[in-house]
Amino acid sequence: MAERGEGRSFIIGALIGAVIGALWALWNAPRSGKETRQAIQQALDERVNSVRRQMTGESLEDALAEGKATARRLNQR
């Protein structure tokens, strides 16, 4: 059975690692928060529109082509 101090050490280490990881992610983000939120909103809007078109009869091939184009555009940013 692990001693009480070992559990605390693990939790403290995990918290420190989480803080360091979050700071690293923020520092190395490819875009600002505003730009990222706009990109996510745009991708979500496009996906909602795509689902609506599929429900109204758009072909699966057209939807796949549009999804691939959206993915390429987002990956280029």
N, C-alpha and C. Protein backbone atom coordinates (compact mmCIF):
# COMPACT_ATOMS: atom_id res chain seq x y z
N MET A 1 0.83 -1.18 0.00
CA MET A 1 0.00 0.00 0.00
C MET A 1 0.89 1.25 0.00
N ALA A 2 0.53 2.21 -0.84
CA ALA A 2 1.33 3.43 -0.96
C ALA A 2 1.14 4.31 0.27
N GLU A 3 2.19 4.97 0.64
CA GLU A 3 2.10 5.88 1.77
C GLU A 3 1.39 7.16 1.35
N ARG A 4 0.88 7.86 2.31
CA ARG A 4 0.12 9.08 2.04
C ARG A 4 0.95 10.14 1.31
N GLY A 5 2.19 10.26 1.64
CA GLY A 5 3.08 11.25 1.02
C GLY A 5 3.32 10.97 -0.46
N GLU A 6 3.34 9.71 -0.84
CA GLU A 6 3.55 9.36 -2.24
C GLU A 6 2.38 9.81 -3.11
N GLY A 7 1.18 9.70 -2.60
CA GLY A 7 0.00 10.16 -3.34
C GLY A 7 0.01 11.66 -3.55
N ARG A 8 0.41 12.37 -2.52
CA ARG A 8 0.50 13.83 -2.64
C ARG A 8 1.56 14.24 -3.66
N SER A 9 2.67 13.53 -3.64
CA SER A 9 3.74 13.84 -4.59
C SER A 9 3.27 13.65 -6.02
N PHE A 10 2.51 12.59 -6.24
CA PHE A 10 2.00 12.35 -7.59
C PHE A 10 1.05 13.46 -8.02
N ILE A 11 0.13 13.83 -7.14
CA ILE A 11 -0.85 14.88 -7.47
C ILE A 11 -0.14 16.21 -7.73
N ILE A 12 0.81 16.55 -6.90
CA ILE A 12 1.57 17.80 -7.09
C ILE A 12 2.32 17.76 -8.41
N GLY A 13 2.95 16.64 -8.71
CA GLY A 13 3.66 16.51 -9.98
C GLY A 13 2.73 16.60 -11.17
N ALA A 14 1.55 15.99 -11.06
CA ALA A 14 0.57 16.05 -12.14
C ALA A 14 0.08 17.48 -12.36
N LEU A 15 -0.18 18.20 -11.28
CA LEU A 15 -0.61 19.59 -11.40
C LEU A 15 0.47 20.48 -12.01
N ILE A 16 1.69 20.30 -11.57
CA ILE A 16 2.80 21.08 -12.15
C ILE A 16 2.95 20.77 -13.63
N GLY A 17 2.84 19.50 -13.97
CA GLY A 17 2.93 19.12 -15.39
C GLY A 17 1.80 19.70 -16.20
N ALA A 18 0.59 19.74 -15.64
CA ALA A 18 -0.56 20.32 -16.35
C ALA A 18 -0.36 21.81 -16.58
N VAL A 19 0.14 22.51 -15.58
CA VAL A 19 0.38 23.95 -15.72
C VAL A 19 1.45 24.21 -16.77
N ILE A 20 2.53 23.46 -16.71
CA ILE A 20 3.60 23.64 -17.70
C ILE A 20 3.08 23.33 -19.10
N GLY A 21 2.31 22.26 -19.24
CA GLY A 21 1.75 21.90 -20.54
C GLY A 21 0.81 22.96 -21.08
N ALA A 22 -0.03 23.52 -20.22
CA ALA A 22 -0.95 24.57 -20.65
C ALA A 22 -0.19 25.82 -21.08
N LEU A 23 0.82 26.20 -20.31
CA LEU A 23 1.63 27.37 -20.69
C LEU A 23 2.36 27.15 -22.00
N TRP A 24 2.90 25.96 -22.19
CA TRP A 24 3.59 25.65 -23.44
C TRP A 24 2.63 25.73 -24.61
N ALA A 25 1.42 25.18 -24.44
CA ALA A 25 0.42 25.20 -25.52
C ALA A 25 0.03 26.63 -25.86
N LEU A 26 -0.17 27.47 -24.86
CA LEU A 26 -0.52 28.86 -25.12
C LEU A 26 0.62 29.61 -25.81
N TRP A 27 1.83 29.36 -25.39
CA TRP A 27 2.99 30.04 -25.96
C TRP A 27 3.21 29.66 -27.42
N ASN A 28 2.96 28.39 -27.75
CA ASN A 28 3.24 27.89 -29.09
C ASN A 28 2.00 27.78 -29.97
N ALA A 29 0.90 28.39 -29.58
CA ALA A 29 -0.32 28.34 -30.38
C ALA A 29 -0.06 29.04 -31.72
N PRO A 30 -0.52 28.42 -32.82
CA PRO A 30 -0.26 29.01 -34.14
C PRO A 30 -1.08 30.28 -34.41
N ARG A 31 -2.17 30.48 -33.66
CA ARG A 31 -3.02 31.64 -33.87
C ARG A 31 -3.42 32.21 -32.52
N SER A 32 -3.92 33.43 -32.56
CA SER A 32 -4.42 34.03 -31.33
C SER A 32 -5.74 33.36 -30.94
N GLY A 33 -6.18 33.59 -29.73
CA GLY A 33 -7.43 33.00 -29.26
C GLY A 33 -8.61 33.44 -30.11
N LYS A 34 -8.65 34.71 -30.47
CA LYS A 34 -9.75 35.23 -31.29
C LYS A 34 -9.77 34.55 -32.65
N GLU A 35 -8.60 34.42 -33.28
CA GLU A 35 -8.53 33.76 -34.59
C GLU A 35 -8.94 32.30 -34.48
N THR A 36 -8.52 31.63 -33.42
CA THR A 36 -8.87 30.22 -33.23
C THR A 36 -10.37 30.08 -33.05
N ARG A 37 -10.98 30.94 -32.23
CA ARG A 37 -12.44 30.87 -32.04
C ARG A 37 -13.17 31.12 -33.34
N GLN A 38 -12.69 32.07 -34.15
CA GLN A 38 -13.32 32.35 -35.44
C GLN A 38 -13.20 31.15 -36.37
N ALA A 39 -12.04 30.50 -36.40
CA ALA A 39 -11.84 29.33 -37.25
C ALA A 39 -12.75 28.18 -36.81
N ILE A 40 -12.87 27.98 -35.51
CA ILE A 40 -13.75 26.92 -35.00
C ILE A 40 -15.20 27.23 -35.35
N GLN A 41 -15.61 28.49 -35.17
CA GLN A 41 -16.99 28.87 -35.48
C GLN A 41 -17.28 28.69 -36.97
N GLN A 42 -16.33 29.07 -37.82
CA GLN A 42 -16.52 28.93 -39.26
C GLN A 42 -16.62 27.45 -39.64
N ALA A 43 -15.76 26.63 -39.07
CA ALA A 43 -15.81 25.20 -39.37
C ALA A 43 -17.12 24.59 -38.89
N LEU A 44 -17.58 25.01 -37.73
CA LEU A 44 -18.85 24.52 -37.20
C LEU A 44 -20.01 24.95 -38.09
N ASP A 45 -20.01 26.21 -38.50
CA ASP A 45 -21.07 26.70 -39.39
C ASP A 45 -21.10 25.93 -40.71
N GLU A 46 -19.91 25.68 -41.26
CA GLU A 46 -19.84 24.92 -42.51
C GLU A 46 -20.36 23.50 -42.33
N ARG A 47 -20.01 22.90 -41.19
CA ARG A 47 -20.45 21.53 -40.93
C ARG A 47 -21.97 21.47 -40.74
N VAL A 48 -22.54 22.45 -40.03
CA VAL A 48 -23.99 22.50 -39.84
C VAL A 48 -24.69 22.67 -41.18
N ASN A 49 -24.18 23.55 -42.01
CA ASN A 49 -24.76 23.74 -43.34
C ASN A 49 -24.65 22.47 -44.17
N SER A 50 -23.54 21.78 -44.05
CA SER A 50 -23.34 20.53 -44.77
C SER A 50 -24.36 19.48 -44.34
N VAL A 51 -24.58 19.37 -43.04
CA VAL A 51 -25.56 18.40 -42.53
C VAL A 51 -26.96 18.78 -43.00
N ARG A 52 -27.27 20.06 -42.99
CA ARG A 52 -28.59 20.49 -43.49
C ARG A 52 -28.78 20.12 -44.96
N ARG A 53 -27.73 20.32 -45.77
CA ARG A 53 -27.83 19.98 -47.19
C ARG A 53 -27.98 18.47 -47.36
N GLN A 54 -27.29 17.69 -46.55
CA GLN A 54 -27.41 16.24 -46.64
C GLN A 54 -28.82 15.80 -46.31
N MET A 55 -29.43 16.46 -45.34
CA MET A 55 -30.79 16.10 -44.95
C MET A 55 -31.80 16.47 -46.03
N THR A 56 -31.45 17.44 -46.88
CA THR A 56 -32.36 17.84 -47.94
C THR A 56 -32.07 17.13 -49.25
N GLY A 57 -31.10 16.20 -49.25
CA GLY A 57 -30.91 15.37 -50.43
C GLY A 57 -29.58 15.51 -51.16
N GLU A 58 -28.67 16.29 -50.65
CA GLU A 58 -27.37 16.40 -51.32
C GLU A 58 -26.69 15.04 -51.31
N SER A 59 -25.97 14.74 -52.37
CA SER A 59 -25.34 13.42 -52.47
C SER A 59 -24.17 13.27 -51.49
N LEU A 60 -23.89 12.04 -51.12
CA LEU A 60 -22.80 11.75 -50.20
C LEU A 60 -21.46 12.15 -50.81
N GLU A 61 -21.29 11.95 -52.10
CA GLU A 61 -20.03 12.31 -52.76
C GLU A 61 -19.77 13.80 -52.68
N ASP A 62 -20.81 14.61 -52.86
CA ASP A 62 -20.65 16.05 -52.77
C ASP A 62 -20.27 16.47 -51.35
N ALA A 63 -20.92 15.84 -50.37
CA ALA A 63 -20.64 16.16 -48.98
C ALA A 63 -19.21 15.77 -48.62
N LEU A 64 -18.73 14.62 -49.09
CA LEU A 64 -17.36 14.20 -48.81
C LEU A 64 -16.36 15.15 -49.46
N ALA A 65 -16.62 15.55 -50.67
CA ALA A 65 -15.73 16.49 -51.35
C ALA A 65 -15.66 17.81 -50.60
N GLU A 66 -16.80 18.28 -50.11
CA GLU A 66 -16.82 19.53 -49.36
C GLU A 66 -16.07 19.38 -48.04
N GLY A 67 -16.25 18.26 -47.37
CA GLY A 67 -15.54 18.01 -46.12
C GLY A 67 -14.04 17.97 -46.31
N LYS A 68 -13.60 17.33 -47.39
CA LYS A 68 -12.17 17.27 -47.68
C LYS A 68 -11.61 18.66 -47.98
N ALA A 69 -12.38 19.46 -48.72
CA ALA A 69 -11.93 20.81 -49.03
C ALA A 69 -11.82 21.65 -47.76
N THR A 70 -12.78 21.50 -46.87
CA THR A 70 -12.74 22.23 -45.60
C THR A 70 -11.54 21.82 -44.77
N ALA A 71 -11.27 20.52 -44.71
CA ALA A 71 -10.13 20.01 -43.94
C ALA A 71 -8.82 20.54 -44.51
N ARG A 72 -8.69 20.55 -45.83
CA ARG A 72 -7.47 21.08 -46.46
C ARG A 72 -7.29 22.56 -46.11
N ARG A 73 -8.39 23.31 -46.19
CA ARG A 73 -8.32 24.75 -45.93
C ARG A 73 -7.91 25.00 -44.47
N LEU A 74 -8.46 24.24 -43.54
CA LEU A 74 -8.11 24.42 -42.13
C LEU A 74 -6.68 23.99 -41.84
N ASN A 75 -6.18 22.98 -42.53
CA ASN A 75 -4.81 22.51 -42.32
C ASN A 75 -3.79 23.46 -42.90
N GLN A 76 -4.16 24.27 -43.86
CA GLN A 76 -3.22 25.20 -44.47
C GLN A 76 -2.96 26.41 -43.59
N ARG A 77 -3.83 26.67 -42.64
CA ARG A 77 -3.71 27.87 -41.80
C ARG A 77 -2.63 27.73 -40.82
